[in-house]
Amino acid sequence: MAVLLCVVAAGVVSLACAVRTRQQIPYWRDGVTLLTQILSVTHDNHVTHYYLGHLLAERGDYSGACTHYAESLRIKPRQADVHNDFGYALLRIGRPAEAIVQFQQAIALRPDFADTRNSLGSVLFEQGRVDEAIAQFREAVRLRPDLTTAKKNLEYALKVKAGRGRSSQ
């Protein structure tokens, strides 16, 4: 009798698990759907907002990414990686001044963030702030001598600066 009760109980539990699994399957369709579901059942989840922003950016939805990066930073402001990725997304939607602020925040939190210094230098360079860009490129190369893009950016910025010096004489 006890064995029969255990078998029946196990069957009921298995059936309940199967029903619940079937209800959850739509949430696992893709990462965005899953993370959106997590946000609907949690409160102030900065990690999920960050990852959802990252997934949206990968899909090219930079406006959506910005929304989630901003929310992640609202919940937990001192996240260098989030500031960096937020800056990149802001650049992609044509907001370079705001991107600069995010890159600067990332560097303030993590001064050895060479990739961010390179990104900041690129935006500054595009805005004609060549000396500031050179300083960021130099620091990026100092921090990570293997960062090829920073080396190339520094070389180019120095050439532009040298060319400007000649043309103003």
N, C-alpha and C. Protein backbone atom coordinates (compact mmCIF):
# COMPACT_ATOMS: atom_id res chain seq x y z
N MET A 1 0.82 -1.20 0.00
CA MET A 1 0.00 0.00 0.00
C MET A 1 0.86 1.26 0.00
N ALA A 2 1.91 1.26 0.83
CA ALA A 2 2.80 2.42 0.89
C ALA A 2 3.50 2.63 -0.45
N VAL A 3 3.89 1.55 -1.11
CA VAL A 3 4.55 1.65 -2.40
C VAL A 3 3.58 2.24 -3.43
N LEU A 4 2.35 1.79 -3.41
CA LEU A 4 1.34 2.30 -4.33
C LEU A 4 1.12 3.79 -4.11
N LEU A 5 1.05 4.21 -2.86
CA LEU A 5 0.90 5.63 -2.54
C LEU A 5 2.07 6.44 -3.07
N CYS A 6 3.28 5.92 -2.92
CA CYS A 6 4.47 6.61 -3.42
C CYS A 6 4.44 6.72 -4.94
N VAL A 7 4.02 5.67 -5.61
CA VAL A 7 3.94 5.69 -7.07
C VAL A 7 2.89 6.70 -7.53
N VAL A 8 1.75 6.74 -6.88
CA VAL A 8 0.70 7.70 -7.23
C VAL A 8 1.19 9.13 -6.97
N ALA A 9 1.83 9.35 -5.82
CA ALA A 9 2.36 10.69 -5.48
C ALA A 9 3.40 11.12 -6.50
N ALA A 10 4.28 10.22 -6.88
CA ALA A 10 5.30 10.54 -7.87
C ALA A 10 4.66 10.88 -9.21
N GLY A 11 3.61 10.17 -9.57
CA GLY A 11 2.90 10.44 -10.81
C GLY A 11 2.24 11.82 -10.79
N VAL A 12 1.63 12.17 -9.66
CA VAL A 12 0.98 13.47 -9.53
C VAL A 12 2.02 14.59 -9.61
N VAL A 13 3.14 14.40 -8.91
CA VAL A 13 4.21 15.41 -8.94
C VAL A 13 4.77 15.54 -10.36
N SER A 14 4.99 14.43 -11.04
CA SER A 14 5.50 14.46 -12.42
C SER A 14 4.53 15.18 -13.35
N LEU A 15 3.25 14.92 -13.19
CA LEU A 15 2.24 15.58 -14.02
C LEU A 15 2.24 17.08 -13.75
N ALA A 16 2.32 17.46 -12.49
CA ALA A 16 2.35 18.89 -12.14
C ALA A 16 3.59 19.56 -12.74
N CYS A 17 4.72 18.88 -12.67
CA CYS A 17 5.95 19.42 -13.26
C CYS A 17 5.82 19.56 -14.77
N ALA A 18 5.20 18.60 -15.41
CA ALA A 18 5.03 18.65 -16.86
C ALA A 18 4.13 19.83 -17.25
N VAL A 19 3.07 20.05 -16.50
CA VAL A 19 2.16 21.16 -16.79
C VAL A 19 2.91 22.48 -16.61
N ARG A 20 3.64 22.60 -15.50
CA ARG A 20 4.38 23.84 -15.24
C ARG A 20 5.46 24.07 -16.29
N THR A 21 6.13 23.03 -16.71
CA THR A 21 7.16 23.14 -17.75
C THR A 21 6.54 23.65 -19.04
N ARG A 22 5.40 23.11 -19.39
CA ARG A 22 4.71 23.54 -20.61
C ARG A 22 4.35 25.02 -20.54
N GLN A 23 3.98 25.50 -19.36
CA GLN A 23 3.66 26.92 -19.18
C GLN A 23 4.90 27.80 -19.32
N GLN A 24 6.05 27.29 -18.96
CA GLN A 24 7.28 28.08 -18.97
C GLN A 24 8.00 28.08 -20.32
N ILE A 25 7.73 27.13 -21.16
CA ILE A 25 8.46 26.99 -22.43
C ILE A 25 8.45 28.27 -23.27
N PRO A 26 7.34 29.00 -23.39
CA PRO A 26 7.38 30.22 -24.21
C PRO A 26 8.42 31.25 -23.74
N TYR A 27 8.70 31.27 -22.44
CA TYR A 27 9.67 32.23 -21.92
C TYR A 27 11.10 31.90 -22.34
N TRP A 28 11.34 30.70 -22.75
CA TRP A 28 12.69 30.26 -23.13
C TRP A 28 12.92 30.36 -24.63
N ARG A 29 11.99 31.01 -25.34
CA ARG A 29 12.09 31.11 -26.80
C ARG A 29 13.42 31.73 -27.23
N ASP A 30 13.81 32.82 -26.55
CA ASP A 30 15.10 33.45 -26.82
C ASP A 30 15.51 34.25 -25.59
N GLY A 31 16.72 34.78 -25.63
CA GLY A 31 17.26 35.48 -24.47
C GLY A 31 16.47 36.72 -24.10
N VAL A 32 16.03 37.48 -25.10
CA VAL A 32 15.28 38.70 -24.81
C VAL A 32 13.98 38.35 -24.12
N THR A 33 13.27 37.34 -24.61
CA THR A 33 12.01 36.93 -24.00
C THR A 33 12.23 36.46 -22.57
N LEU A 34 13.26 35.66 -22.37
CA LEU A 34 13.56 35.15 -21.04
C LEU A 34 13.90 36.29 -20.07
N LEU A 35 14.78 37.20 -20.49
CA LEU A 35 15.17 38.29 -19.60
C LEU A 35 14.00 39.25 -19.33
N THR A 36 13.16 39.46 -20.32
CA THR A 36 11.97 40.28 -20.11
C THR A 36 11.05 39.63 -19.07
N GLN A 37 10.91 38.33 -19.15
CA GLN A 37 10.11 37.59 -18.16
C GLN A 37 10.73 37.71 -16.78
N ILE A 38 12.04 37.60 -16.69
CA ILE A 38 12.70 37.73 -15.38
C ILE A 38 12.42 39.11 -14.80
N LEU A 39 12.50 40.15 -15.64
CA LEU A 39 12.23 41.50 -15.15
C LEU A 39 10.79 41.67 -14.68
N SER A 40 9.87 40.91 -15.29
CA SER A 40 8.47 41.04 -14.89
C SER A 40 8.18 40.41 -13.54
N VAL A 41 9.07 39.55 -13.08
CA VAL A 41 8.83 38.87 -11.80
C VAL A 41 9.88 39.22 -10.74
N THR A 42 10.78 40.15 -11.06
CA THR A 42 11.76 40.59 -10.07
C THR A 42 11.67 42.11 -9.93
N HIS A 43 12.37 42.63 -8.95
CA HIS A 43 12.35 44.06 -8.69
C HIS A 43 13.78 44.57 -8.60
N ASP A 44 14.06 45.68 -9.30
CA ASP A 44 15.39 46.31 -9.26
C ASP A 44 16.52 45.32 -9.55
N ASN A 45 16.39 44.62 -10.64
CA ASN A 45 17.37 43.61 -11.03
C ASN A 45 18.36 44.22 -12.02
N HIS A 46 19.42 44.85 -11.50
CA HIS A 46 20.37 45.57 -12.36
C HIS A 46 21.10 44.64 -13.32
N VAL A 47 21.37 43.41 -12.90
CA VAL A 47 22.09 42.46 -13.76
C VAL A 47 21.24 42.10 -14.98
N THR A 48 19.99 41.82 -14.76
CA THR A 48 19.11 41.44 -15.87
C THR A 48 18.92 42.61 -16.83
N HIS A 49 18.79 43.83 -16.30
CA HIS A 49 18.68 45.00 -17.18
C HIS A 49 19.94 45.13 -18.04
N TYR A 50 21.10 44.92 -17.42
CA TYR A 50 22.36 45.02 -18.17
C TYR A 50 22.41 43.98 -19.29
N TYR A 51 22.11 42.73 -18.96
CA TYR A 51 22.18 41.69 -19.98
C TYR A 51 21.12 41.87 -21.07
N LEU A 52 19.96 42.35 -20.69
CA LEU A 52 18.93 42.62 -21.71
C LEU A 52 19.39 43.75 -22.62
N GLY A 53 19.99 44.79 -22.04
CA GLY A 53 20.55 45.86 -22.86
C GLY A 53 21.59 45.33 -23.82
N HIS A 54 22.44 44.44 -23.34
CA HIS A 54 23.49 43.86 -24.17
C HIS A 54 22.88 43.06 -25.34
N LEU A 55 21.88 42.24 -25.04
CA LEU A 55 21.24 41.46 -26.10
C LEU A 55 20.56 42.36 -27.13
N LEU A 56 19.90 43.40 -26.65
CA LEU A 56 19.24 44.32 -27.58
C LEU A 56 20.26 45.03 -28.46
N ALA A 57 21.39 45.43 -27.87
CA ALA A 57 22.45 46.07 -28.66
C ALA A 57 22.97 45.11 -29.72
N GLU A 58 23.15 43.85 -29.36
CA GLU A 58 23.60 42.86 -30.35
C GLU A 58 22.63 42.74 -31.51
N ARG A 59 21.36 42.96 -31.25
CA ARG A 59 20.32 42.89 -32.29
C ARG A 59 20.20 44.20 -33.06
N GLY A 60 20.93 45.23 -32.64
CA GLY A 60 20.86 46.51 -33.31
C GLY A 60 19.82 47.45 -32.74
N ASP A 61 19.17 47.06 -31.66
CA ASP A 61 18.18 47.93 -31.00
C ASP A 61 18.89 48.74 -29.92
N TYR A 62 19.61 49.78 -30.37
CA TYR A 62 20.42 50.56 -29.45
C TYR A 62 19.56 51.46 -28.55
N SER A 63 18.43 51.91 -29.03
CA SER A 63 17.53 52.69 -28.18
C SER A 63 17.01 51.83 -27.03
N GLY A 64 16.58 50.63 -27.35
CA GLY A 64 16.13 49.71 -26.31
C GLY A 64 17.25 49.37 -25.35
N ALA A 65 18.46 49.19 -25.89
CA ALA A 65 19.61 48.91 -25.04
C ALA A 65 19.86 50.06 -24.07
N CYS A 66 19.78 51.29 -24.57
CA CYS A 66 19.99 52.46 -23.72
C CYS A 66 19.01 52.49 -22.55
N THR A 67 17.77 52.14 -22.83
CA THR A 67 16.75 52.12 -21.78
C THR A 67 17.17 51.18 -20.65
N HIS A 68 17.64 50.00 -21.02
CA HIS A 68 17.99 49.00 -20.00
C HIS A 68 19.33 49.32 -19.33
N TYR A 69 20.28 49.88 -20.06
CA TYR A 69 21.53 50.30 -19.43
C TYR A 69 21.25 51.40 -18.40
N ALA A 70 20.40 52.35 -18.78
CA ALA A 70 20.06 53.45 -17.85
C ALA A 70 19.38 52.90 -16.60
N GLU A 71 18.51 51.93 -16.78
CA GLU A 71 17.82 51.35 -15.63
C GLU A 71 18.80 50.57 -14.75
N SER A 72 19.71 49.85 -15.35
CA SER A 72 20.72 49.13 -14.58
C SER A 72 21.55 50.11 -13.74
N LEU A 73 21.91 51.24 -14.34
CA LEU A 73 22.70 52.25 -13.63
C LEU A 73 21.87 52.99 -12.58
N ARG A 74 20.58 53.13 -12.82
CA ARG A 74 19.72 53.73 -11.79
C ARG A 74 19.73 52.88 -10.53
N ILE A 75 19.68 51.58 -10.73
CA ILE A 75 19.63 50.64 -9.61
C ILE A 75 21.00 50.54 -8.93
N LYS A 76 22.04 50.46 -9.74
CA LYS A 76 23.40 50.31 -9.21
C LYS A 76 24.33 51.16 -10.07
N PRO A 77 24.57 52.40 -9.65
CA PRO A 77 25.28 53.37 -10.49
C PRO A 77 26.77 53.08 -10.75
N ARG A 78 27.43 52.40 -9.89
CA ARG A 78 28.88 52.26 -10.00
C ARG A 78 29.27 50.97 -10.75
N GLN A 79 28.91 50.89 -12.03
CA GLN A 79 29.21 49.74 -12.87
C GLN A 79 29.96 50.21 -14.13
N ALA A 80 31.24 50.06 -14.13
CA ALA A 80 32.05 50.56 -15.24
C ALA A 80 31.66 49.91 -16.57
N ASP A 81 31.43 48.62 -16.58
CA ASP A 81 31.06 47.94 -17.83
C ASP A 81 29.75 48.46 -18.39
N VAL A 82 28.79 48.74 -17.53
CA VAL A 82 27.50 49.24 -17.99
C VAL A 82 27.66 50.65 -18.56
N HIS A 83 28.43 51.50 -17.86
CA HIS A 83 28.68 52.85 -18.39
C HIS A 83 29.33 52.77 -19.77
N ASN A 84 30.29 51.87 -19.92
CA ASN A 84 30.98 51.71 -21.20
C ASN A 84 30.01 51.28 -22.30
N ASP A 85 29.23 50.25 -22.04
CA ASP A 85 28.30 49.75 -23.05
C ASP A 85 27.20 50.77 -23.35
N PHE A 86 26.78 51.50 -22.32
CA PHE A 86 25.79 52.56 -22.50
C PHE A 86 26.37 53.63 -23.42
N GLY A 87 27.63 53.99 -23.20
CA GLY A 87 28.28 54.98 -24.06
C GLY A 87 28.30 54.53 -25.52
N TYR A 88 28.64 53.29 -25.74
CA TYR A 88 28.68 52.76 -27.10
C TYR A 88 27.29 52.81 -27.74
N ALA A 89 26.27 52.41 -26.99
CA ALA A 89 24.91 52.43 -27.54
C ALA A 89 24.47 53.87 -27.84
N LEU A 90 24.84 54.80 -26.98
CA LEU A 90 24.50 56.20 -27.23
C LEU A 90 25.16 56.71 -28.51
N LEU A 91 26.38 56.28 -28.74
CA LEU A 91 27.05 56.65 -30.00
C LEU A 91 26.27 56.15 -31.19
N ARG A 92 25.80 54.93 -31.09
CA ARG A 92 25.09 54.30 -32.22
C ARG A 92 23.77 55.00 -32.53
N ILE A 93 23.20 55.70 -31.56
CA ILE A 93 21.95 56.41 -31.85
C ILE A 93 22.19 57.92 -32.01
N GLY A 94 23.46 58.29 -32.19
CA GLY A 94 23.79 59.67 -32.52
C GLY A 94 23.80 60.65 -31.36
N ARG A 95 24.18 60.18 -30.19
CA ARG A 95 24.23 61.06 -29.02
C ARG A 95 25.64 61.07 -28.42
N PRO A 96 26.62 61.62 -29.16
CA PRO A 96 28.02 61.55 -28.74
C PRO A 96 28.33 62.30 -27.44
N ALA A 97 27.68 63.42 -27.19
CA ALA A 97 27.96 64.16 -25.95
C ALA A 97 27.59 63.31 -24.72
N GLU A 98 26.48 62.61 -24.81
CA GLU A 98 26.07 61.74 -23.70
C GLU A 98 26.98 60.52 -23.61
N ALA A 99 27.45 60.05 -24.75
CA ALA A 99 28.37 58.91 -24.77
C ALA A 99 29.67 59.28 -24.04
N ILE A 100 30.15 60.49 -24.29
CA ILE A 100 31.37 60.95 -23.62
C ILE A 100 31.20 60.90 -22.11
N VAL A 101 30.07 61.35 -21.62
CA VAL A 101 29.80 61.33 -20.17
C VAL A 101 29.85 59.90 -19.65
N GLN A 102 29.25 58.97 -20.38
CA GLN A 102 29.24 57.57 -19.93
C GLN A 102 30.65 56.98 -19.95
N PHE A 103 31.43 57.27 -21.00
CA PHE A 103 32.80 56.78 -21.05
C PHE A 103 33.62 57.37 -19.90
N GLN A 104 33.42 58.64 -19.61
CA GLN A 104 34.15 59.27 -18.51
C GLN A 104 33.77 58.65 -17.17
N GLN A 105 32.50 58.33 -17.00
CA GLN A 105 32.06 57.66 -15.77
C GLN A 105 32.72 56.28 -15.65
N ALA A 106 32.79 55.55 -16.75
CA ALA A 106 33.42 54.23 -16.73
C ALA A 106 34.89 54.35 -16.32
N ILE A 107 35.57 55.33 -16.87
CA ILE A 107 36.99 55.52 -16.56
C ILE A 107 37.17 55.98 -15.12
N ALA A 108 36.27 56.82 -14.62
CA ALA A 108 36.35 57.25 -13.23
C ALA A 108 36.25 56.05 -12.28
N LEU A 109 35.41 55.10 -12.66
CA LEU A 109 35.24 53.90 -11.83
C LEU A 109 36.36 52.89 -12.04
N ARG A 110 36.91 52.88 -13.24
CA ARG A 110 37.94 51.90 -13.58
C ARG A 110 39.00 52.57 -14.46
N PRO A 111 39.95 53.27 -13.84
CA PRO A 111 40.94 54.04 -14.61
C PRO A 111 41.79 53.20 -15.57
N ASP A 112 41.87 51.91 -15.34
CA ASP A 112 42.68 51.05 -16.22
C ASP A 112 41.87 50.46 -17.38
N PHE A 113 40.71 51.01 -17.67
CA PHE A 113 39.81 50.51 -18.70
C PHE A 113 40.29 51.02 -20.06
N ALA A 114 41.27 50.35 -20.64
CA ALA A 114 41.92 50.80 -21.87
C ALA A 114 40.95 50.88 -23.05
N ASP A 115 40.08 49.91 -23.19
CA ASP A 115 39.13 49.94 -24.31
C ASP A 115 38.22 51.17 -24.25
N THR A 116 37.81 51.52 -23.05
CA THR A 116 36.95 52.69 -22.90
C THR A 116 37.73 53.96 -23.20
N ARG A 117 38.98 54.01 -22.78
CA ARG A 117 39.80 55.19 -23.10
C ARG A 117 39.94 55.33 -24.62
N ASN A 118 40.09 54.23 -25.31
CA ASN A 118 40.18 54.26 -26.77
C ASN A 118 38.85 54.77 -27.37
N SER A 119 37.74 54.27 -26.85
CA SER A 119 36.43 54.72 -27.34
C SER A 119 36.23 56.20 -27.07
N LEU A 120 36.58 56.64 -25.87
CA LEU A 120 36.46 58.05 -25.53
C LEU A 120 37.33 58.90 -26.45
N GLY A 121 38.57 58.43 -26.67
CA GLY A 121 39.46 59.15 -27.58
C GLY A 121 38.87 59.28 -28.97
N SER A 122 38.24 58.24 -29.45
CA SER A 122 37.63 58.27 -30.79
C SER A 122 36.53 59.32 -30.89
N VAL A 123 35.68 59.39 -29.87
CA VAL A 123 34.59 60.37 -29.89
C VAL A 123 35.16 61.78 -29.80
N LEU A 124 36.12 61.96 -28.91
CA LEU A 124 36.74 63.28 -28.77
C LEU A 124 37.39 63.71 -30.09
N PHE A 125 38.06 62.77 -30.74
CA PHE A 125 38.71 63.06 -32.02
C PHE A 125 37.67 63.50 -33.06
N GLU A 126 36.57 62.76 -33.13
CA GLU A 126 35.51 63.11 -34.08
C GLU A 126 34.93 64.49 -33.82
N GLN A 127 34.99 64.93 -32.58
CA GLN A 127 34.49 66.26 -32.24
C GLN A 127 35.56 67.34 -32.41
N GLY A 128 36.72 66.95 -32.91
CA GLY A 128 37.78 67.92 -33.14
C GLY A 128 38.62 68.22 -31.91
N ARG A 129 38.43 67.46 -30.86
CA ARG A 129 39.17 67.66 -29.62
C ARG A 129 40.40 66.75 -29.66
N VAL A 130 41.31 67.07 -30.56
CA VAL A 130 42.43 66.20 -30.91
C VAL A 130 43.38 65.99 -29.73
N ASP A 131 43.74 67.05 -29.03
CA ASP A 131 44.67 66.90 -27.90
C ASP A 131 44.10 65.99 -26.81
N GLU A 132 42.83 66.17 -26.51
CA GLU A 132 42.18 65.30 -25.52
C GLU A 132 42.13 63.85 -26.01
N ALA A 133 41.87 63.69 -27.29
CA ALA A 133 41.83 62.34 -27.87
C ALA A 133 43.20 61.69 -27.78
N ILE A 134 44.23 62.43 -28.12
CA ILE A 134 45.60 61.89 -28.06
C ILE A 134 45.92 61.44 -26.64
N ALA A 135 45.54 62.23 -25.65
CA ALA A 135 45.80 61.85 -24.25
C ALA A 135 45.12 60.52 -23.91
N GLN A 136 43.89 60.34 -24.39
CA GLN A 136 43.18 59.08 -24.12
C GLN A 136 43.81 57.91 -24.86
N PHE A 137 44.19 58.12 -26.12
CA PHE A 137 44.83 57.06 -26.89
C PHE A 137 46.16 56.65 -26.25
N ARG A 138 46.93 57.65 -25.81
CA ARG A 138 48.22 57.35 -25.17
C ARG A 138 48.02 56.51 -23.91
N GLU A 139 47.05 56.89 -23.13
CA GLU A 139 46.80 56.15 -21.89
C GLU A 139 46.31 54.74 -22.20
N ALA A 140 45.49 54.60 -23.21
CA ALA A 140 45.01 53.26 -23.60
C ALA A 140 46.19 52.38 -24.02
N VAL A 141 47.10 52.93 -24.80
CA VAL A 141 48.28 52.17 -25.25
C VAL A 141 49.19 51.85 -24.07
N ARG A 142 49.34 52.80 -23.16
CA ARG A 142 50.17 52.54 -21.97
C ARG A 142 49.58 51.39 -21.15
N LEU A 143 48.27 51.42 -20.99
CA LEU A 143 47.61 50.39 -20.20
C LEU A 143 47.60 49.03 -20.89
N ARG A 144 47.43 49.06 -22.21
CA ARG A 144 47.36 47.81 -22.98
C ARG A 144 48.16 47.96 -24.27
N PRO A 145 49.45 47.71 -24.20
CA PRO A 145 50.29 47.87 -25.39
C PRO A 145 49.84 47.01 -26.57
N ASP A 146 49.07 45.97 -26.32
CA ASP A 146 48.61 45.09 -27.40
C ASP A 146 47.30 45.57 -28.04
N LEU A 147 46.76 46.69 -27.59
CA LEU A 147 45.50 47.21 -28.12
C LEU A 147 45.77 47.93 -29.45
N THR A 148 45.72 47.17 -30.52
CA THR A 148 46.09 47.65 -31.84
C THR A 148 45.28 48.86 -32.29
N THR A 149 43.98 48.84 -32.02
CA THR A 149 43.16 49.97 -32.47
C THR A 149 43.59 51.27 -31.79
N ALA A 150 43.96 51.19 -30.53
CA ALA A 150 44.40 52.40 -29.83
C ALA A 150 45.72 52.90 -30.42
N LYS A 151 46.62 51.97 -30.77
CA LYS A 151 47.89 52.37 -31.39
C LYS A 151 47.63 53.08 -32.73
N LYS A 152 46.77 52.49 -33.54
CA LYS A 152 46.45 53.09 -34.85
C LYS A 152 45.77 54.44 -34.68
N ASN A 153 44.84 54.51 -33.72
CA ASN A 153 44.16 55.78 -33.48
C ASN A 153 45.14 56.85 -33.02
N LEU A 154 46.07 56.48 -32.15
CA LEU A 154 47.07 57.42 -31.67
C LEU A 154 47.94 57.91 -32.82
N GLU A 155 48.42 56.99 -33.64
CA GLU A 155 49.25 57.37 -34.78
C GLU A 155 48.51 58.34 -35.71
N TYR A 156 47.28 58.03 -36.00
CA TYR A 156 46.49 58.88 -36.89
C TYR A 156 46.26 60.26 -36.27
N ALA A 157 45.89 60.28 -35.00
CA ALA A 157 45.63 61.56 -34.33
C ALA A 157 46.90 62.42 -34.29
N LEU A 158 48.04 61.78 -34.07
CA LEU A 158 49.31 62.53 -34.05
C LEU A 158 49.62 63.10 -35.44
N LYS A 159 49.33 62.34 -36.49
CA LYS A 159 49.53 62.83 -37.85
C LYS A 159 48.62 64.01 -38.14
N VAL A 160 47.37 63.91 -37.73
CA VAL A 160 46.43 65.01 -37.94
C VAL A 160 46.90 66.24 -37.19
N LYS A 161 47.33 66.06 -35.96
CA LYS A 161 47.80 67.19 -35.17
C LYS A 161 49.02 67.82 -35.83
N ALA A 162 49.96 66.99 -36.29
CA ALA A 162 51.16 67.53 -36.95
C ALA A 162 50.77 68.28 -38.22
N GLY A 163 49.79 67.77 -38.95
CA GLY A 163 49.32 68.44 -40.17
C GLY A 163 48.67 69.77 -39.86
N ARG A 164 47.96 69.85 -38.79
CA ARG A 164 47.31 71.10 -38.38
C ARG A 164 48.37 72.14 -38.00
N GLY A 165 49.41 71.66 -37.34
CA GLY A 165 50.48 72.57 -36.91
C GLY A 165 51.16 73.21 -38.12
N ARG A 166 51.37 72.44 -39.17
CA ARG A 166 52.01 72.95 -40.38
C ARG A 166 51.10 73.92 -41.11
N SER A 167 49.81 73.60 -41.15
CA SER A 167 48.91 74.45 -41.93
C SER A 167 48.63 75.79 -41.25
N SER A 168 48.88 75.88 -39.96
CA SER A 168 48.61 77.15 -39.27
C SER A 168 49.83 78.07 -39.25
N GLN A 169 50.94 77.61 -39.78
CA GLN A 169 52.16 78.45 -39.78
C GLN A 169 52.25 79.31 -40.99
